[in-house]
């Protein structure tokens, strides 16, 4: 099989702990900084797009972030992103209804 996803069980079978991602294509390619980023990447693996325009846009975005002139900004961007809990919620609420926790996560 392709082993796109592989759960690794905890050695203690009596524990009801969550399994973790084992060695798989997803675990190798997943370098996300947020929970929602990991969720989005997983959705892309479960339901890959056939739309060439979407694929090309993703490719160009990755290419932009990996250009030597952009590496410093990319690093700063990812550092900032990992402190923000729920980006879609914050963007949705930016019309003046943000609560103090949302503002704090943006300022960190």
Foldseek 3Di string as FASTA:
>chain_A
DQQQWDWDDDPPPVDPDGTDTDDHVLVVPDPALAPVVSVVVVVCVVPPDPDPVVVVVVVVVVVVCPPPVNVVVNVVVSVLVNLQHDVVVLVVCVPPNDDPVNVVSNVD
